[in-house]
């Protein structure tokens, strides 16, 4: 049980650290783009920022789900990629259908995957709030 907790914790820590770094990079990119006035119409700036943020979130979400699926495969918990990805998505989004389950010794990983998903979706929410506040922050600059 301790080894399962260590593996799951290491996965969460590494993945969340990567997620935070990617969101920091996206924030810097959006600030740089707003400073360089890449959009000619100020009304389009919010839509442009939201489009970039949505694509960034999709990339981070996809990477996280694939990371868990690859971990399941590396641990030998699934013999094919499709069920590993399916289980990863179902667990990460906390849907938890229960039609595919992990072996009894590894079930804690499912809960850790769900916890990671909850934390990641919380980061998505904070990131989107930041994106929506970006036009106001850039207008306030002297």
N, C-alpha and C. Protein backbone atom coordinates (compact mmCIF):
# COMPACT_ATOMS: atom_id res chain seq x y z
N UNK A 1 0.82 -1.19 0.00
CA UNK A 1 0.00 0.00 0.00
C UNK A 1 0.86 1.26 0.00
N UNK A 2 1.94 1.25 0.76
CA UNK A 2 2.82 2.41 0.82
C UNK A 2 3.45 2.69 -0.54
N UNK A 3 3.81 1.65 -1.26
CA UNK A 3 4.41 1.86 -2.58
C UNK A 3 3.40 2.46 -3.55
N UNK A 4 2.14 2.07 -3.43
CA UNK A 4 1.09 2.63 -4.29
C UNK A 4 0.93 4.12 -3.99
N UNK A 5 0.91 4.47 -2.71
CA UNK A 5 0.80 5.87 -2.33
C UNK A 5 1.99 6.69 -2.80
N UNK A 6 3.17 6.10 -2.73
CA UNK A 6 4.38 6.81 -3.19
C UNK A 6 4.35 7.03 -4.70
N UNK A 7 3.96 5.99 -5.44
CA UNK A 7 3.87 6.11 -6.90
C UNK A 7 2.83 7.16 -7.29
N UNK A 8 1.66 7.09 -6.68
CA UNK A 8 0.59 8.05 -6.98
C UNK A 8 0.97 9.47 -6.58
N UNK A 9 1.59 9.62 -5.43
CA UNK A 9 2.01 10.95 -4.97
C UNK A 9 3.07 11.54 -5.89
N UNK A 10 4.03 10.71 -6.29
CA UNK A 10 5.07 11.19 -7.21
C UNK A 10 4.45 11.64 -8.53
N UNK A 11 3.50 10.86 -9.03
CA UNK A 11 2.83 11.21 -10.28
C UNK A 11 2.10 12.54 -10.14
N UNK A 12 1.37 12.70 -9.05
CA UNK A 12 0.62 13.94 -8.83
C UNK A 12 1.56 15.14 -8.70
N UNK A 13 2.61 15.00 -7.94
CA UNK A 13 3.54 16.11 -7.72
C UNK A 13 4.20 16.53 -9.03
N UNK A 14 4.70 15.57 -9.77
CA UNK A 14 5.37 15.90 -11.03
C UNK A 14 4.38 16.50 -12.03
N UNK A 15 3.23 15.89 -12.15
CA UNK A 15 2.24 16.37 -13.11
C UNK A 15 1.71 17.75 -12.74
N UNK A 16 1.42 17.98 -11.46
CA UNK A 16 0.94 19.30 -11.05
C UNK A 16 2.03 20.36 -11.20
N UNK A 17 3.27 19.99 -10.95
CA UNK A 17 4.37 20.95 -11.15
C UNK A 17 4.47 21.34 -12.62
N UNK A 18 4.36 20.36 -13.50
CA UNK A 18 4.39 20.64 -14.94
C UNK A 18 3.19 21.52 -15.33
N UNK A 19 2.02 21.19 -14.78
CA UNK A 19 0.81 21.97 -15.06
C UNK A 19 0.99 23.42 -14.64
N UNK A 20 1.51 23.64 -13.45
CA UNK A 20 1.71 25.00 -12.94
C UNK A 20 2.72 25.75 -13.81
N UNK A 21 3.80 25.08 -14.20
CA UNK A 21 4.79 25.72 -15.08
C UNK A 21 4.18 26.07 -16.44
N UNK A 22 3.36 25.18 -16.97
CA UNK A 22 2.72 25.46 -18.27
C UNK A 22 1.72 26.61 -18.16
N UNK A 23 1.00 26.69 -17.06
CA UNK A 23 0.07 27.81 -16.88
C UNK A 23 0.83 29.12 -16.69
N UNK A 24 1.96 29.07 -15.99
CA UNK A 24 2.78 30.28 -15.85
C UNK A 24 3.29 30.73 -17.22
N UNK A 25 3.71 29.77 -18.04
CA UNK A 25 4.17 30.11 -19.40
C UNK A 25 3.02 30.68 -20.23
N UNK A 26 1.83 30.11 -20.10
CA UNK A 26 0.67 30.64 -20.84
C UNK A 26 0.33 32.05 -20.39
N UNK A 27 0.42 32.31 -19.10
CA UNK A 27 0.14 33.66 -18.59
C UNK A 27 1.14 34.66 -19.16
N UNK A 28 2.40 34.28 -19.18
CA UNK A 28 3.42 35.18 -19.75
C UNK A 28 3.19 35.40 -21.24
N UNK A 29 2.81 34.34 -21.94
CA UNK A 29 2.51 34.46 -23.37
C UNK A 29 1.34 35.42 -23.60
N UNK A 30 0.28 35.26 -22.82
CA UNK A 30 -0.88 36.13 -22.98
C UNK A 30 -0.55 37.58 -22.63
N UNK A 31 0.24 37.78 -21.60
CA UNK A 31 0.67 39.15 -21.26
C UNK A 31 1.51 39.75 -22.38
N UNK A 32 2.42 38.95 -22.92
CA UNK A 32 3.26 39.43 -24.02
C UNK A 32 2.41 39.77 -25.24
N UNK A 33 1.47 38.90 -25.56
CA UNK A 33 0.60 39.15 -26.71
C UNK A 33 -0.25 40.40 -26.51
N UNK A 34 -0.72 40.62 -25.28
CA UNK A 34 -1.52 41.82 -25.04
C UNK A 34 -0.66 43.07 -25.09
N UNK A 35 0.61 42.97 -24.67
CA UNK A 35 1.52 44.11 -24.75
C UNK A 35 1.90 44.45 -26.18
N UNK A 36 1.96 43.44 -27.04
CA UNK A 36 2.35 43.69 -28.43
C UNK A 36 1.16 44.02 -29.31
N UNK A 37 -0.03 44.04 -28.72
CA UNK A 37 -1.25 44.40 -29.45
C UNK A 37 -1.42 43.55 -30.70
N UNK A 38 -1.41 42.23 -30.53
CA UNK A 38 -1.52 41.32 -31.67
C UNK A 38 -2.89 41.38 -32.34
N UNK A 39 -3.90 41.78 -31.59
CA UNK A 39 -5.22 41.92 -32.20
C UNK A 39 -5.46 43.40 -32.50
N UNK A 40 -5.97 43.69 -33.67
CA UNK A 40 -6.20 45.08 -34.07
C UNK A 40 -7.43 45.66 -33.39
N UNK A 41 -8.34 44.80 -33.00
CA UNK A 41 -9.59 45.26 -32.41
C UNK A 41 -9.60 44.89 -30.93
N UNK A 42 -9.64 45.89 -30.06
CA UNK A 42 -9.63 45.60 -28.61
C UNK A 42 -10.77 44.70 -28.16
N UNK A 43 -11.91 44.77 -28.86
CA UNK A 43 -13.03 43.92 -28.48
C UNK A 43 -12.70 42.45 -28.67
N UNK A 44 -11.82 42.16 -29.58
CA UNK A 44 -11.46 40.77 -29.87
C UNK A 44 -10.39 40.23 -28.91
N UNK A 45 -9.79 41.10 -28.12
CA UNK A 45 -8.71 40.66 -27.24
C UNK A 45 -9.20 39.59 -26.26
N UNK A 46 -10.37 39.78 -25.67
CA UNK A 46 -10.88 38.80 -24.70
C UNK A 46 -11.15 37.45 -25.38
N UNK A 47 -11.73 37.50 -26.57
CA UNK A 47 -12.00 36.24 -27.29
C UNK A 47 -10.69 35.56 -27.69
N UNK A 48 -9.72 36.34 -28.12
CA UNK A 48 -8.41 35.82 -28.49
C UNK A 48 -7.75 35.16 -27.29
N UNK A 49 -7.78 35.85 -26.14
CA UNK A 49 -7.18 35.30 -24.91
C UNK A 49 -7.89 34.03 -24.48
N UNK A 50 -9.20 34.04 -24.58
CA UNK A 50 -9.96 32.86 -24.19
C UNK A 50 -9.67 31.68 -25.11
N UNK A 51 -9.52 31.94 -26.40
CA UNK A 51 -9.19 30.87 -27.35
C UNK A 51 -7.83 30.25 -27.02
N UNK A 52 -6.85 31.10 -26.77
CA UNK A 52 -5.51 30.59 -26.42
C UNK A 52 -5.56 29.82 -25.10
N UNK A 53 -6.26 30.37 -24.11
CA UNK A 53 -6.35 29.70 -22.81
C UNK A 53 -7.06 28.36 -22.94
N UNK A 54 -8.10 28.29 -23.74
CA UNK A 54 -8.84 27.03 -23.91
C UNK A 54 -7.97 25.97 -24.57
N UNK A 55 -7.22 26.36 -25.57
CA UNK A 55 -6.32 25.40 -26.22
C UNK A 55 -5.23 24.95 -25.26
N UNK A 56 -4.73 25.87 -24.46
CA UNK A 56 -3.68 25.54 -23.48
C UNK A 56 -4.24 24.56 -22.46
N UNK A 57 -5.45 24.81 -21.97
CA UNK A 57 -6.09 23.93 -20.99
C UNK A 57 -6.30 22.54 -21.59
N UNK A 58 -6.76 22.51 -22.83
CA UNK A 58 -6.95 21.23 -23.50
C UNK A 58 -5.64 20.44 -23.59
N UNK A 59 -4.56 21.14 -23.90
CA UNK A 59 -3.25 20.47 -24.00
C UNK A 59 -2.81 19.93 -22.63
N UNK A 60 -2.99 20.73 -21.59
CA UNK A 60 -2.58 20.29 -20.25
C UNK A 60 -3.45 19.13 -19.79
N UNK A 61 -4.75 19.21 -20.02
CA UNK A 61 -5.66 18.14 -19.64
C UNK A 61 -5.31 16.84 -20.37
N UNK A 62 -5.07 16.96 -21.66
CA UNK A 62 -4.71 15.78 -22.46
C UNK A 62 -3.41 15.17 -21.96
N UNK A 63 -2.43 16.01 -21.69
CA UNK A 63 -1.16 15.52 -21.18
C UNK A 63 -1.29 14.81 -19.84
N UNK A 64 -2.11 15.36 -18.96
CA UNK A 64 -2.31 14.74 -17.65
C UNK A 64 -2.98 13.37 -17.77
N UNK A 65 -4.02 13.31 -18.58
CA UNK A 65 -4.72 12.03 -18.77
C UNK A 65 -3.80 10.99 -19.40
N UNK A 66 -3.06 11.40 -20.41
CA UNK A 66 -2.11 10.48 -21.03
C UNK A 66 -1.02 10.05 -20.05
N UNK A 67 -0.59 10.96 -19.20
CA UNK A 67 0.42 10.61 -18.19
C UNK A 67 -0.05 9.51 -17.27
N UNK A 68 -1.28 9.62 -16.78
CA UNK A 68 -1.83 8.57 -15.93
C UNK A 68 -1.98 7.27 -16.70
N UNK A 69 -2.45 7.35 -17.93
CA UNK A 69 -2.63 6.13 -18.73
C UNK A 69 -1.29 5.43 -18.95
N UNK A 70 -0.27 6.21 -19.25
CA UNK A 70 1.06 5.62 -19.46
C UNK A 70 1.61 5.04 -18.16
N UNK A 71 1.31 5.67 -17.04
CA UNK A 71 1.73 5.11 -15.75
C UNK A 71 1.05 3.77 -15.52
N UNK A 72 -0.26 3.69 -15.79
CA UNK A 72 -0.97 2.42 -15.64
C UNK A 72 -0.35 1.34 -16.53
N UNK A 73 0.00 1.73 -17.75
CA UNK A 73 0.62 0.77 -18.68
C UNK A 73 2.00 0.34 -18.15
N UNK A 74 2.79 1.30 -17.68
CA UNK A 74 4.13 0.98 -17.17
C UNK A 74 4.07 0.06 -15.96
N UNK A 75 3.04 0.20 -15.16
CA UNK A 75 2.88 -0.66 -13.98
C UNK A 75 2.27 -2.02 -14.33
N UNK A 76 1.90 -2.20 -15.59
CA UNK A 76 1.31 -3.46 -16.02
C UNK A 76 -0.14 -3.65 -15.58
N UNK A 77 -0.82 -2.56 -15.28
CA UNK A 77 -2.20 -2.66 -14.82
C UNK A 77 -3.19 -2.85 -15.96
N UNK A 78 -2.79 -2.48 -17.17
CA UNK A 78 -3.60 -2.68 -18.36
C UNK A 78 -2.71 -3.25 -19.44
N UNK A 79 -3.28 -4.10 -20.27
CA UNK A 79 -2.49 -4.71 -21.33
C UNK A 79 -2.66 -4.01 -22.67
N UNK A 80 -3.52 -2.99 -22.72
CA UNK A 80 -3.72 -2.23 -23.96
C UNK A 80 -3.90 -0.76 -23.61
N UNK A 81 -3.59 0.10 -24.56
CA UNK A 81 -3.66 1.54 -24.32
C UNK A 81 -5.09 2.05 -24.17
N UNK A 82 -6.01 1.53 -24.96
CA UNK A 82 -7.39 2.05 -24.92
C UNK A 82 -8.04 1.92 -23.54
N UNK A 83 -7.99 0.76 -22.89
CA UNK A 83 -8.60 0.71 -21.55
C UNK A 83 -7.85 1.56 -20.52
N UNK A 84 -6.54 1.70 -20.69
CA UNK A 84 -5.78 2.55 -19.77
C UNK A 84 -6.19 4.01 -19.93
N UNK A 85 -6.35 4.45 -21.17
CA UNK A 85 -6.80 5.83 -21.42
C UNK A 85 -8.23 6.02 -20.93
N UNK A 86 -9.07 5.07 -21.22
CA UNK A 86 -10.47 5.15 -20.79
C UNK A 86 -10.55 5.27 -19.27
N UNK A 87 -9.84 4.39 -18.56
CA UNK A 87 -9.86 4.43 -17.10
C UNK A 87 -9.29 5.74 -16.59
N UNK A 88 -8.23 6.22 -17.23
CA UNK A 88 -7.61 7.47 -16.83
C UNK A 88 -8.59 8.64 -16.98
N UNK A 89 -9.29 8.70 -18.10
CA UNK A 89 -10.26 9.79 -18.33
C UNK A 89 -11.41 9.70 -17.33
N UNK A 90 -11.94 8.50 -17.16
CA UNK A 90 -13.08 8.31 -16.25
C UNK A 90 -12.69 8.66 -14.82
N UNK A 91 -11.50 8.30 -14.42
CA UNK A 91 -11.04 8.61 -13.06
C UNK A 91 -10.68 10.08 -12.91
N UNK A 92 -9.95 10.62 -13.88
CA UNK A 92 -9.47 12.00 -13.81
C UNK A 92 -10.63 12.99 -13.76
N UNK A 93 -11.70 12.69 -14.49
CA UNK A 93 -12.86 13.58 -14.50
C UNK A 93 -13.84 13.24 -13.38
N UNK A 94 -13.51 12.30 -12.55
CA UNK A 94 -14.28 11.83 -11.39
C UNK A 94 -15.65 11.27 -11.78
N UNK A 95 -15.79 10.80 -13.01
CA UNK A 95 -17.04 10.17 -13.42
C UNK A 95 -17.14 8.80 -12.74
N UNK A 96 -16.09 8.00 -12.84
CA UNK A 96 -16.02 6.72 -12.16
C UNK A 96 -17.14 5.75 -12.46
N UNK A 97 -17.27 5.36 -13.70
CA UNK A 97 -18.34 4.43 -14.08
C UNK A 97 -18.25 3.10 -13.34
N UNK A 98 -17.06 2.61 -13.09
CA UNK A 98 -16.90 1.35 -12.39
C UNK A 98 -16.90 0.13 -13.29
N UNK A 99 -16.98 0.35 -14.61
CA UNK A 99 -16.98 -0.80 -15.51
C UNK A 99 -15.56 -1.33 -15.74
N UNK A 100 -14.57 -0.50 -15.51
CA UNK A 100 -13.17 -0.92 -15.56
C UNK A 100 -12.56 -0.53 -14.21
N UNK A 101 -11.93 -1.48 -13.57
CA UNK A 101 -11.35 -1.21 -12.25
C UNK A 101 -9.91 -1.70 -12.23
N UNK A 102 -9.16 -1.16 -11.28
CA UNK A 102 -7.78 -1.60 -11.09
C UNK A 102 -7.74 -2.85 -10.21
N UNK A 103 -6.62 -3.53 -10.27
CA UNK A 103 -6.41 -4.69 -9.41
C UNK A 103 -6.48 -4.25 -7.95
N UNK A 104 -6.93 -5.12 -7.06
CA UNK A 104 -7.12 -4.72 -5.65
C UNK A 104 -5.92 -4.03 -5.01
N UNK A 105 -4.73 -4.44 -5.31
CA UNK A 105 -3.56 -3.80 -4.71
C UNK A 105 -3.28 -2.39 -5.21
N UNK A 106 -3.90 -2.00 -6.31
CA UNK A 106 -3.61 -0.71 -6.95
C UNK A 106 -4.81 0.24 -6.95
N UNK A 107 -5.90 -0.11 -6.31
CA UNK A 107 -7.12 0.70 -6.37
C UNK A 107 -6.94 2.12 -5.84
N UNK A 108 -6.01 2.32 -4.94
CA UNK A 108 -5.77 3.67 -4.42
C UNK A 108 -5.36 4.65 -5.52
N UNK A 109 -4.75 4.12 -6.57
CA UNK A 109 -4.35 5.00 -7.68
C UNK A 109 -5.57 5.65 -8.35
N UNK A 110 -6.69 4.97 -8.37
CA UNK A 110 -7.90 5.55 -8.96
C UNK A 110 -8.32 6.79 -8.19
N UNK A 111 -8.32 6.72 -6.87
CA UNK A 111 -8.65 7.88 -6.05
C UNK A 111 -7.64 9.00 -6.20
N UNK A 112 -6.38 8.63 -6.34
CA UNK A 112 -5.35 9.65 -6.52
C UNK A 112 -5.48 10.31 -7.89
N UNK A 113 -5.88 9.54 -8.89
CA UNK A 113 -6.13 10.12 -10.21
C UNK A 113 -7.28 11.12 -10.13
N UNK A 114 -8.34 10.75 -9.42
CA UNK A 114 -9.48 11.65 -9.25
C UNK A 114 -9.09 12.91 -8.48
N UNK A 115 -8.29 12.75 -7.45
CA UNK A 115 -7.83 13.91 -6.68
C UNK A 115 -6.99 14.84 -7.56
N UNK A 116 -6.15 14.25 -8.36
CA UNK A 116 -5.34 15.04 -9.29
C UNK A 116 -6.24 15.79 -10.27
N UNK A 117 -7.27 15.12 -10.76
CA UNK A 117 -8.21 15.77 -11.67
C UNK A 117 -8.91 16.95 -11.01
N UNK A 118 -9.36 16.78 -9.77
CA UNK A 118 -10.01 17.88 -9.05
C UNK A 118 -9.07 19.07 -8.89
N UNK A 119 -7.83 18.80 -8.51
CA UNK A 119 -6.85 19.88 -8.36
C UNK A 119 -6.58 20.58 -9.69
N UNK A 120 -6.48 19.80 -10.75
CA UNK A 120 -6.21 20.37 -12.06
C UNK A 120 -7.37 21.23 -12.54
N UNK A 121 -8.59 20.76 -12.34
CA UNK A 121 -9.74 21.56 -12.74
C UNK A 121 -9.84 22.84 -11.92
N UNK A 122 -9.41 22.79 -10.67
CA UNK A 122 -9.33 24.01 -9.86
C UNK A 122 -8.33 24.99 -10.44
N UNK A 123 -7.18 24.47 -10.88
CA UNK A 123 -6.18 25.34 -11.53
C UNK A 123 -6.73 25.92 -12.83
N UNK A 124 -7.50 25.12 -13.57
CA UNK A 124 -8.12 25.62 -14.81
C UNK A 124 -9.02 26.81 -14.50
N UNK A 125 -9.81 26.68 -13.44
CA UNK A 125 -10.73 27.75 -13.06
C UNK A 125 -9.96 29.02 -12.70
N UNK A 126 -8.94 28.88 -11.89
CA UNK A 126 -8.13 30.04 -11.51
C UNK A 126 -7.47 30.67 -12.74
N UNK A 127 -7.01 29.84 -13.65
CA UNK A 127 -6.37 30.33 -14.86
C UNK A 127 -7.36 31.11 -15.73
N UNK A 128 -8.57 30.59 -15.87
CA UNK A 128 -9.58 31.28 -16.68
C UNK A 128 -9.99 32.61 -16.04
N UNK A 129 -10.07 32.66 -14.72
CA UNK A 129 -10.36 33.93 -14.05
C UNK A 129 -9.24 34.93 -14.36
N UNK A 130 -8.03 34.47 -14.32
CA UNK A 130 -6.88 35.33 -14.64
C UNK A 130 -6.96 35.81 -16.09
N UNK A 131 -7.34 34.95 -16.99
CA UNK A 131 -7.45 35.32 -18.41
C UNK A 131 -8.54 36.37 -18.60
N UNK A 132 -9.66 36.22 -17.89
CA UNK A 132 -10.73 37.20 -18.02
C UNK A 132 -10.34 38.55 -17.41
N UNK A 133 -9.45 38.55 -16.41
CA UNK A 133 -8.99 39.79 -15.80
C UNK A 133 -7.85 40.44 -16.58
N UNK A 134 -7.28 39.73 -17.53
CA UNK A 134 -6.13 40.23 -18.27
C UNK A 134 -6.40 41.55 -19.00
N UNK A 135 -7.50 41.71 -19.73
CA UNK A 135 -7.72 42.99 -20.41
C UNK A 135 -7.79 44.18 -19.45
N UNK A 136 -8.40 43.97 -18.29
CA UNK A 136 -8.47 45.05 -17.30
C UNK A 136 -7.10 45.38 -16.74
N UNK A 137 -6.28 44.37 -16.53
CA UNK A 137 -4.93 44.61 -16.01
C UNK A 137 -4.06 45.33 -17.01
N UNK A 138 -4.18 44.99 -18.28
CA UNK A 138 -3.34 45.62 -19.28
C UNK A 138 -3.80 47.06 -19.54
N UNK A 139 -5.10 47.33 -19.39
CA UNK A 139 -5.58 48.72 -19.54
C UNK A 139 -5.10 49.59 -18.39
N UNK A 140 -4.91 49.00 -17.20
CA UNK A 140 -4.49 49.75 -16.03
C UNK A 140 -3.02 50.09 -16.04
N UNK A 141 -2.24 49.47 -16.92
CA UNK A 141 -0.81 49.76 -16.99
C UNK A 141 -0.58 51.19 -17.45
N UNK A 142 0.39 51.89 -16.84
CA UNK A 142 0.67 53.26 -17.26
C UNK A 142 1.33 53.34 -18.62
